[in-house]
Amino acid sequence: MPLIKGMKSTTIWKAFFLNALASTMIIFIAVTVKEKFDTFKNKKDEEIVRTTSFKSIGFTLIATFTATMIAYTLMYIIFGYGGGLMVSTA
C-alpha cells in the first residue's frame, strides 16, 4: 500500500515525474560520494587538479548501488512505484 495514493505511473507524465525523482536522488548521492573521495591537488599554485583513484571509483559504485536500492525501495513504499516491472513466473 503506497503512502501517497494517486501517484502511480498511470500516465506518461506521472511515470516521467516518478522516474526523474528516483534518478535525482540516485545521482545526487553518487556525485556527493564521488566528490568526497576524489582528491584535489594544487598544481604550481595556479590550477587545482582533481584526481580520481580506484578507491574513489569503488566507493562510488558501491554507494550508487546502495542509493539506487534505497531510492527505489522508498519510491515503492511512498508511491507504489515499480510494481509494473514485476513478471509472473507462471
C-alpha atoms as a PDB file:
ATOM      1  CA  MET A   1       0.000   0.000   0.000  1.00  0.00           C
ATOM      2  CA  PRO A   2       1.601   3.264  -1.093  1.00  0.00           C
ATOM      3  CA  LEU A   3       1.667   6.140   1.381  1.00  0.00           C
ATOM      4  CA  ILE A   4       0.659   8.635  -1.322  1.00  0.00           C
ATOM      5  CA  LYS A   5      -2.191   7.350  -3.437  1.00  0.00           C
ATOM      6  CA  GLY A   6      -2.884   8.621  -6.937  1.00  0.00           C
ATOM      7  CA  MET A   7       0.766   8.923  -7.964  1.00  0.00           C
ATOM      8  CA  LYS A   8       1.189   5.581  -9.711  1.00  0.00           C
ATOM      9  CA  SER A   9       2.604   5.775 -13.214  1.00  0.00           C
ATOM     10  CA  THR A  10      -0.762   5.603 -14.911  1.00  0.00           C
ATOM     11  CA  THR A  11       0.098   8.382 -17.375  1.00  0.00           C
ATOM     12  CA  ILE A  12       3.311   9.121 -19.223  1.00  0.00           C
ATOM     13  CA  TRP A  13       3.841  12.350 -17.257  1.00  0.00           C
ATOM     14  CA  LYS A  14       3.431  10.653 -13.876  1.00  0.00           C
ATOM     15  CA  ALA A  15       5.865   7.945 -14.983  1.00  0.00           C
ATOM     16  CA  PHE A  16       8.373  10.578 -16.150  1.00  0.00           C
ATOM     17  CA  PHE A  17       7.982  12.517 -12.897  1.00  0.00           C
ATOM     18  CA  LEU A  18       8.481   9.465 -10.688  1.00  0.00           C
ATOM     19  CA  ASN A  19      11.469   8.271 -12.700  1.00  0.00           C
ATOM     20  CA  ALA A  20      13.014  11.757 -12.583  1.00  0.00           C
ATOM     21  CA  LEU A  21      12.521  11.829  -8.816  1.00  0.00           C
ATOM     22  CA  ALA A  22      14.245   8.457  -8.374  1.00  0.00           C
ATOM     23  CA  SER A  23      17.065   9.407 -10.758  1.00  0.00           C
ATOM     24  CA  THR A  24      17.635  12.711  -8.976  1.00  0.00           C
ATOM     25  CA  MET A  25      18.044  11.006  -5.605  1.00  0.00           C
ATOM     26  CA  ILE A  26      20.464   8.449  -7.042  1.00  0.00           C
ATOM     27  CA  ILE A  27      22.587  10.949  -8.979  1.00  0.00           C
ATOM     28  CA  PHE A  28      22.768  13.363  -6.043  1.00  0.00           C
ATOM     29  CA  ILE A  29      24.126  10.663  -3.749  1.00  0.00           C
ATOM     30  CA  ALA A  30      26.573   9.363  -6.394  1.00  0.00           C
ATOM     31  CA  VAL A  31      28.013  12.812  -7.107  1.00  0.00           C
ATOM     32  CA  THR A  32      28.272  13.634  -3.404  1.00  0.00           C
ATOM     33  CA  VAL A  33      30.152  10.403  -2.645  1.00  0.00           C
ATOM     34  CA  LYS A  34      32.499  10.856  -5.617  1.00  0.00           C
ATOM     35  CA  GLU A  35      33.248  14.414  -4.560  1.00  0.00           C
ATOM     36  CA  LYS A  36      34.095  13.216  -1.049  1.00  0.00           C
ATOM     37  CA  PHE A  37      36.551  10.535  -2.163  1.00  0.00           C
ATOM     38  CA  ASP A  38      38.258  12.402  -5.030  1.00  0.00           C
ATOM     39  CA  THR A  39      41.398  14.326  -4.124  1.00  0.00           C
ATOM     40  CA  PHE A  40      42.180  17.885  -5.113  1.00  0.00           C
ATOM     41  CA  LYS A  41      45.781  18.994  -5.571  1.00  0.00           C
ATOM     42  CA  ASN A  42      47.111  22.481  -6.069  1.00  0.00           C
ATOM     43  CA  LYS A  43      49.433  22.335  -9.060  1.00  0.00           C
ATOM     44  CA  LYS A  44      52.030  25.136  -9.281  1.00  0.00           C
ATOM     45  CA  ASP A  45      49.851  27.482  -7.218  1.00  0.00           C
ATOM     46  CA  GLU A  46      47.741  28.204 -10.303  1.00  0.00           C
ATOM     47  CA  GLU A  47      45.256  25.465 -11.031  1.00  0.00           C
ATOM     48  CA  ILE A  48      43.587  22.842  -8.898  1.00  0.00           C
ATOM     49  CA  VAL A  49      43.625  19.353 -10.354  1.00  0.00           C
ATOM     50  CA  ARG A  50      41.067  16.720  -9.378  1.00  0.00           C
ATOM     51  CA  THR A  51      42.341  13.149  -9.311  1.00  0.00           C
ATOM     52  CA  THR A  52      40.243  10.018  -9.138  1.00  0.00           C
ATOM     53  CA  SER A  53      41.610   6.830  -7.605  1.00  0.00           C
ATOM     54  CA  PHE A  54      40.388   3.248  -7.801  1.00  0.00           C
ATOM     55  CA  LYS A  55      39.271   3.657  -4.177  1.00  0.00           C
ATOM     56  CA  SER A  56      37.063   6.593  -5.200  1.00  0.00           C
ATOM     57  CA  ILE A  57      35.596   4.618  -8.101  1.00  0.00           C
ATOM     58  CA  GLY A  58      34.913   1.583  -5.896  1.00  0.00           C
ATOM     59  CA  PHE A  59      33.238   3.579  -3.154  1.00  0.00           C
ATOM     60  CA  THR A  60      31.201   5.499  -5.727  1.00  0.00           C
ATOM     61  CA  LEU A  61      29.971   2.276  -7.363  1.00  0.00           C
ATOM     62  CA  ILE A  62      29.017   0.730  -4.027  1.00  0.00           C
ATOM     63  CA  ALA A  63      27.336   3.921  -2.801  1.00  0.00           C
ATOM     64  CA  THR A  64      25.461   4.355  -6.085  1.00  0.00           C
ATOM     65  CA  PHE A  65      24.162   0.775  -6.000  1.00  0.00           C
ATOM     66  CA  THR A  66      23.097   1.197  -2.377  1.00  0.00           C
ATOM     67  CA  ALA A  67      21.483   4.566  -3.140  1.00  0.00           C
ATOM     68  CA  THR A  68      19.628   3.017  -6.072  1.00  0.00           C
ATOM     69  CA  MET A  69      18.237   0.193  -3.937  1.00  0.00           C
ATOM     70  CA  ILE A  70      17.199   2.637  -1.203  1.00  0.00           C
ATOM     71  CA  ALA A  71      15.684   5.142  -3.675  1.00  0.00           C
ATOM     72  CA  TYR A  72      13.608   2.507  -5.469  1.00  0.00           C
ATOM     73  CA  THR A  73      12.516   0.949  -2.180  1.00  0.00           C
ATOM     74  CA  LEU A  74      11.400   4.350  -0.869  1.00  0.00           C
ATOM     75  CA  MET A  75       9.644   5.092  -4.158  1.00  0.00           C
ATOM     76  CA  TYR A  76       7.819   1.765  -3.895  1.00  0.00           C
ATOM     77  CA  ILE A  77       6.792   2.400  -0.277  1.00  0.00           C
ATOM     78  CA  ILE A  78       5.743   6.024  -0.834  1.00  0.00           C
ATOM     79  CA  PHE A  79       4.227   5.922  -4.352  1.00  0.00           C
ATOM     80  CA  GLY A  80       3.890   2.232  -5.231  1.00  0.00           C
ATOM     81  CA  TYR A  81       6.464   2.846  -7.991  1.00  0.00           C
ATOM     82  CA  GLY A  82       7.929  -0.145  -9.815  1.00  0.00           C
ATOM     83  CA  GLY A  83       5.088  -2.592  -9.370  1.00  0.00           C
ATOM     84  CA  GLY A  84       4.592  -2.715 -13.115  1.00  0.00           C
ATOM     85  CA  LEU A  85       8.089  -4.140 -13.569  1.00  0.00           C
ATOM     86  CA  MET A  86       7.187  -7.453 -11.960  1.00  0.00           C
ATOM     87  CA  VAL A  87       6.667 -10.510 -14.160  1.00  0.00           C
ATOM     88  CA  SER A  88       4.646 -13.563 -13.184  1.00  0.00           C
ATOM     89  CA  THR A  89       6.588 -16.835 -13.194  1.00  0.00           C
ATOM     90  CA  ALA A  90       3.619 -18.933 -14.293  1.00  0.00           C
END
